[in-house]
């Protein structure tokens, strides 16, 4: 009897977020083979052009950008995030006063 192995997300220092333009994706599956984390899969739906497109599981993505590099149509964008780092507010303290003086 065959057992199905489901890859569960593991805690990573760097995570990735994959964005795919599904209307331009041809579903060539090159990115699927390039993804070492198995974060991509072929959808059950079709796009405007009649192709099954790729969808991403961002919980598994490490942000390695292999999928974006290999995509022949450049429809994949990858962003890296650092989940343990706290966001830093870099807004100047007196920005409201500065904006008011410019607008008025």
N, C-alpha and C. Protein backbone atom coordinates (compact mmCIF):
# COMPACT_ATOMS: atom_id res chain seq x y z
N UNK A 1 0.84 -1.17 0.00
CA UNK A 1 0.00 0.00 0.00
C UNK A 1 0.89 1.24 0.00
N UNK A 2 0.59 2.19 -0.88
CA UNK A 2 1.37 3.41 -0.98
C UNK A 2 0.93 4.40 0.08
N UNK A 3 1.90 5.07 0.66
CA UNK A 3 1.57 6.12 1.63
C UNK A 3 1.84 7.46 0.99
N UNK A 4 1.03 8.42 1.32
CA UNK A 4 1.18 9.76 0.79
C UNK A 4 1.92 10.60 1.81
N UNK A 5 3.00 11.22 1.36
CA UNK A 5 3.77 12.09 2.25
C UNK A 5 3.35 13.53 1.98
N UNK A 6 2.93 14.20 3.01
CA UNK A 6 2.54 15.59 2.91
C UNK A 6 3.63 16.42 3.57
N UNK A 7 4.16 17.35 2.80
CA UNK A 7 5.23 18.19 3.34
C UNK A 7 4.61 19.29 4.19
N UNK A 8 5.03 19.35 5.43
CA UNK A 8 4.51 20.36 6.33
C UNK A 8 5.51 21.51 6.42
N UNK A 9 4.99 22.73 6.60
CA UNK A 9 5.90 23.87 6.70
C UNK A 9 6.79 23.76 7.93
N UNK A 10 8.06 24.07 7.75
CA UNK A 10 8.96 24.09 8.89
C UNK A 10 9.39 25.53 9.15
N UNK A 11 9.81 25.80 10.35
CA UNK A 11 10.21 27.15 10.71
C UNK A 11 11.48 27.52 9.97
N UNK A 12 11.46 28.64 9.30
CA UNK A 12 12.61 29.10 8.51
C UNK A 12 12.99 30.50 8.94
N UNK A 13 14.27 30.81 8.77
CA UNK A 13 14.72 32.16 9.05
C UNK A 13 14.21 33.13 8.00
N UNK A 14 14.20 32.67 6.74
CA UNK A 14 13.75 33.51 5.64
C UNK A 14 12.60 32.79 4.95
N UNK A 15 11.53 33.51 4.74
CA UNK A 15 10.39 32.96 4.02
C UNK A 15 10.24 33.72 2.71
N UNK A 16 9.53 33.12 1.81
CA UNK A 16 9.28 33.77 0.53
C UNK A 16 7.81 33.92 0.27
N UNK A 17 7.52 34.84 -0.61
CA UNK A 17 6.14 35.04 -1.07
C UNK A 17 6.19 35.05 -2.59
N UNK A 18 5.49 34.11 -3.19
CA UNK A 18 5.47 33.99 -4.65
C UNK A 18 4.20 34.62 -5.18
N UNK A 19 4.34 35.49 -6.17
CA UNK A 19 3.20 36.06 -6.86
C UNK A 19 3.30 35.64 -8.31
N UNK A 20 2.20 35.07 -8.83
CA UNK A 20 2.17 34.58 -10.21
C UNK A 20 1.06 35.30 -10.95
N UNK A 21 1.39 35.83 -12.12
CA UNK A 21 0.37 36.44 -12.98
C UNK A 21 -0.34 35.28 -13.68
N UNK A 22 -1.44 34.83 -13.10
CA UNK A 22 -2.10 33.62 -13.58
C UNK A 22 -2.70 33.78 -14.97
N UNK A 23 -2.99 34.99 -15.38
CA UNK A 23 -3.57 35.18 -16.71
C UNK A 23 -2.52 35.04 -17.82
N UNK A 24 -1.25 35.17 -17.47
CA UNK A 24 -0.18 35.02 -18.47
C UNK A 24 0.56 33.70 -18.36
N UNK A 25 0.31 32.95 -17.29
CA UNK A 25 1.01 31.67 -17.07
C UNK A 25 0.50 30.62 -18.05
N UNK A 26 1.43 29.91 -18.69
CA UNK A 26 1.09 28.85 -19.64
C UNK A 26 1.09 27.47 -19.00
N UNK A 27 1.46 27.38 -17.74
CA UNK A 27 1.48 26.10 -17.07
C UNK A 27 2.52 25.15 -17.63
N UNK A 28 3.66 25.66 -18.03
CA UNK A 28 4.71 24.84 -18.65
C UNK A 28 5.38 23.90 -17.63
N UNK A 29 5.21 24.18 -16.35
CA UNK A 29 5.71 23.37 -15.24
C UNK A 29 7.23 23.42 -15.06
N UNK A 30 7.92 24.33 -15.73
CA UNK A 30 9.36 24.47 -15.49
C UNK A 30 9.63 24.92 -14.06
N UNK A 31 8.81 25.81 -13.56
CA UNK A 31 8.98 26.30 -12.19
C UNK A 31 8.70 25.19 -11.18
N UNK A 32 7.79 24.31 -11.53
CA UNK A 32 7.46 23.19 -10.65
C UNK A 32 8.68 22.29 -10.42
N UNK A 33 9.42 22.04 -11.48
CA UNK A 33 10.62 21.21 -11.35
C UNK A 33 11.77 21.96 -10.68
N UNK A 34 11.78 23.29 -10.81
CA UNK A 34 12.85 24.09 -10.20
C UNK A 34 12.66 24.30 -8.71
N UNK A 35 11.43 24.16 -8.23
CA UNK A 35 11.14 24.42 -6.81
C UNK A 35 11.52 23.21 -5.96
N UNK A 36 12.54 23.39 -5.13
CA UNK A 36 13.02 22.30 -4.26
C UNK A 36 12.13 22.09 -3.04
N UNK A 37 11.29 23.07 -2.73
CA UNK A 37 10.45 22.99 -1.54
C UNK A 37 9.04 22.49 -1.85
N UNK A 38 8.76 22.19 -3.09
CA UNK A 38 7.42 21.74 -3.52
C UNK A 38 6.34 22.74 -3.14
N UNK A 39 6.65 24.02 -3.31
CA UNK A 39 5.72 25.08 -2.95
C UNK A 39 4.78 25.45 -4.09
N UNK A 40 4.97 24.87 -5.26
CA UNK A 40 4.14 25.18 -6.41
C UNK A 40 3.36 23.96 -6.87
N UNK A 41 2.18 24.21 -7.42
CA UNK A 41 1.42 23.11 -8.01
C UNK A 41 0.55 23.67 -9.13
N UNK A 42 0.11 22.79 -10.00
CA UNK A 42 -0.73 23.16 -11.12
C UNK A 42 -2.18 23.26 -10.63
N UNK A 43 -2.85 24.32 -11.03
CA UNK A 43 -4.23 24.52 -10.58
C UNK A 43 -5.18 23.59 -11.32
N UNK A 44 -6.37 23.47 -10.77
CA UNK A 44 -7.42 22.71 -11.44
C UNK A 44 -8.21 23.59 -12.40
N UNK A 45 -8.07 24.91 -12.26
CA UNK A 45 -8.78 25.87 -13.10
C UNK A 45 -7.93 26.27 -14.30
N UNK A 46 -8.55 26.95 -15.25
CA UNK A 46 -7.82 27.47 -16.40
C UNK A 46 -7.92 28.99 -16.43
N UNK A 47 -6.94 29.60 -17.10
CA UNK A 47 -6.94 31.06 -17.22
C UNK A 47 -7.64 31.49 -18.51
N UNK A 48 -7.58 32.76 -18.83
CA UNK A 48 -8.26 33.30 -20.02
C UNK A 48 -7.76 32.63 -21.30
N UNK A 49 -6.49 32.27 -21.33
CA UNK A 49 -5.90 31.66 -22.54
C UNK A 49 -6.18 30.16 -22.64
N UNK A 50 -6.80 29.59 -21.61
CA UNK A 50 -7.13 28.18 -21.64
C UNK A 50 -6.08 27.26 -21.06
N UNK A 51 -5.10 27.82 -20.35
CA UNK A 51 -4.05 27.03 -19.73
C UNK A 51 -4.33 26.82 -18.24
N UNK A 52 -3.94 25.66 -17.73
CA UNK A 52 -3.90 25.48 -16.29
C UNK A 52 -2.67 26.23 -15.80
N UNK A 53 -2.81 27.02 -14.78
CA UNK A 53 -1.73 27.88 -14.30
C UNK A 53 -1.18 27.36 -12.99
N UNK A 54 -0.02 27.88 -12.60
CA UNK A 54 0.64 27.48 -11.36
C UNK A 54 0.07 28.29 -10.19
N UNK A 55 -0.01 27.64 -9.05
CA UNK A 55 -0.39 28.33 -7.81
C UNK A 55 0.67 28.00 -6.76
N UNK A 56 0.84 28.90 -5.82
CA UNK A 56 1.91 28.76 -4.83
C UNK A 56 1.37 28.56 -3.43
N UNK A 57 2.08 27.75 -2.67
CA UNK A 57 1.84 27.59 -1.24
C UNK A 57 2.96 28.37 -0.54
N UNK A 58 2.68 29.60 -0.17
CA UNK A 58 3.72 30.47 0.39
C UNK A 58 4.19 30.03 1.76
N UNK A 59 3.49 29.11 2.41
CA UNK A 59 3.96 28.59 3.69
C UNK A 59 5.19 27.71 3.51
N UNK A 60 5.36 27.13 2.33
CA UNK A 60 6.51 26.27 2.06
C UNK A 60 7.67 27.01 1.38
N UNK A 61 7.40 28.18 0.83
CA UNK A 61 8.40 28.91 0.04
C UNK A 61 9.52 29.47 0.91
N UNK A 62 10.75 29.31 0.43
CA UNK A 62 11.91 29.87 1.12
C UNK A 62 12.45 31.12 0.45
N UNK A 63 11.87 31.51 -0.68
CA UNK A 63 12.31 32.70 -1.38
C UNK A 63 13.58 32.50 -2.18
N UNK A 64 13.83 31.30 -2.65
CA UNK A 64 15.07 31.00 -3.38
C UNK A 64 15.08 31.59 -4.79
N UNK A 65 13.96 31.98 -5.32
CA UNK A 65 13.74 32.57 -6.65
C UNK A 65 14.06 31.66 -7.84
N UNK A 66 14.26 30.36 -7.61
CA UNK A 66 14.50 29.45 -8.74
C UNK A 66 13.34 29.47 -9.72
N UNK A 67 12.12 29.53 -9.22
CA UNK A 67 10.95 29.52 -10.09
C UNK A 67 10.90 30.76 -10.97
N UNK A 68 11.23 31.91 -10.41
CA UNK A 68 11.20 33.15 -11.17
C UNK A 68 12.31 33.20 -12.22
N UNK A 69 13.45 32.63 -11.89
CA UNK A 69 14.57 32.63 -12.83
C UNK A 69 14.28 31.76 -14.04
N UNK A 70 13.65 30.61 -13.82
CA UNK A 70 13.44 29.66 -14.90
C UNK A 70 12.20 29.96 -15.74
N UNK A 71 11.29 30.79 -15.24
CA UNK A 71 10.04 31.08 -15.95
C UNK A 71 10.32 31.76 -17.29
N UNK A 72 9.95 31.13 -18.42
CA UNK A 72 10.26 31.70 -19.73
C UNK A 72 9.45 32.96 -20.05
N UNK A 73 8.33 33.14 -19.38
CA UNK A 73 7.47 34.30 -19.65
C UNK A 73 7.57 35.38 -18.58
N UNK A 74 8.41 35.18 -17.59
CA UNK A 74 8.64 36.14 -16.50
C UNK A 74 7.33 36.55 -15.83
N UNK A 75 6.50 35.58 -15.49
CA UNK A 75 5.23 35.88 -14.84
C UNK A 75 5.27 35.63 -13.34
N UNK A 76 6.45 35.26 -12.82
CA UNK A 76 6.59 34.95 -11.40
C UNK A 76 7.48 35.99 -10.72
N UNK A 77 7.00 36.51 -9.60
CA UNK A 77 7.78 37.41 -8.76
C UNK A 77 7.91 36.77 -7.38
N UNK A 78 9.09 36.89 -6.80
CA UNK A 78 9.33 36.31 -5.48
C UNK A 78 9.83 37.41 -4.55
N UNK A 79 9.25 37.46 -3.37
CA UNK A 79 9.65 38.43 -2.36
C UNK A 79 10.08 37.66 -1.12
N UNK A 80 11.15 38.11 -0.48
CA UNK A 80 11.63 37.46 0.74
C UNK A 80 11.17 38.25 1.95
N UNK A 81 10.80 37.52 2.98
CA UNK A 81 10.39 38.15 4.23
C UNK A 81 11.19 37.53 5.37
N UNK A 82 11.37 38.27 6.40
CA UNK A 82 12.06 37.80 7.60
C UNK A 82 11.05 37.77 8.73
N UNK A 83 10.45 36.61 9.00
CA UNK A 83 9.35 36.56 9.97
C UNK A 83 9.74 36.92 11.40
N UNK A 84 10.99 36.78 11.77
CA UNK A 84 11.38 37.06 13.15
C UNK A 84 11.77 38.52 13.37
N UNK A 85 12.02 39.23 12.29
CA UNK A 85 12.39 40.63 12.43
C UNK A 85 11.14 41.47 12.59
N UNK A 86 11.21 42.40 13.51
CA UNK A 86 10.08 43.30 13.72
C UNK A 86 10.16 44.43 12.69
N UNK A 87 9.01 44.85 12.18
CA UNK A 87 9.02 45.97 11.24
C UNK A 87 9.53 47.24 11.94
N UNK A 88 10.29 47.98 11.21
CA UNK A 88 10.86 49.22 11.75
C UNK A 88 10.17 50.39 11.07
N UNK A 89 9.64 51.30 11.85
CA UNK A 89 8.99 52.48 11.30
C UNK A 89 10.05 53.52 10.99
N UNK A 90 10.21 53.84 9.74
CA UNK A 90 11.23 54.82 9.34
C UNK A 90 10.61 56.16 8.97
N UNK A 91 9.33 56.35 9.31
CA UNK A 91 8.64 57.60 9.02
C UNK A 91 9.20 58.70 9.92
N UNK A 92 9.60 59.82 9.31
CA UNK A 92 10.09 60.93 10.14
C UNK A 92 9.00 61.42 11.10
N UNK A 93 9.40 61.85 12.27
CA UNK A 93 8.45 62.25 13.30
C UNK A 93 7.62 63.47 12.88
N UNK A 94 8.22 64.40 12.19
CA UNK A 94 7.51 65.63 11.84
C UNK A 94 6.94 65.60 10.42
N UNK A 95 6.66 64.43 9.89
CA UNK A 95 6.19 64.33 8.52
C UNK A 95 4.82 64.99 8.32
N UNK A 96 3.93 64.87 9.31
CA UNK A 96 2.61 65.48 9.19
C UNK A 96 2.72 67.00 9.06
N UNK A 97 3.58 67.60 9.88
CA UNK A 97 3.77 69.05 9.81
C UNK A 97 4.36 69.46 8.48
N UNK A 98 5.30 68.67 7.99
CA UNK A 98 5.94 68.97 6.71
C UNK A 98 4.93 68.90 5.56
N UNK A 99 4.10 67.89 5.58
CA UNK A 99 3.09 67.73 4.53
C UNK A 99 2.07 68.86 4.60
N UNK A 100 1.64 69.22 5.81
CA UNK A 100 0.70 70.32 5.95
C UNK A 100 1.27 71.63 5.42
N UNK A 101 2.54 71.87 5.68
CA UNK A 101 3.15 73.13 5.21
C UNK A 101 3.29 73.15 3.68
N UNK A 102 3.44 71.99 3.07
CA UNK A 102 3.54 71.93 1.60
C UNK A 102 2.16 72.09 0.97
N UNK A 103 1.16 71.44 1.53
CA UNK A 103 -0.19 71.45 0.95
C UNK A 103 -0.87 72.80 1.14
N UNK A 104 -0.68 73.41 2.29
CA UNK A 104 -1.38 74.69 2.58
C UNK A 104 -0.68 75.85 1.97
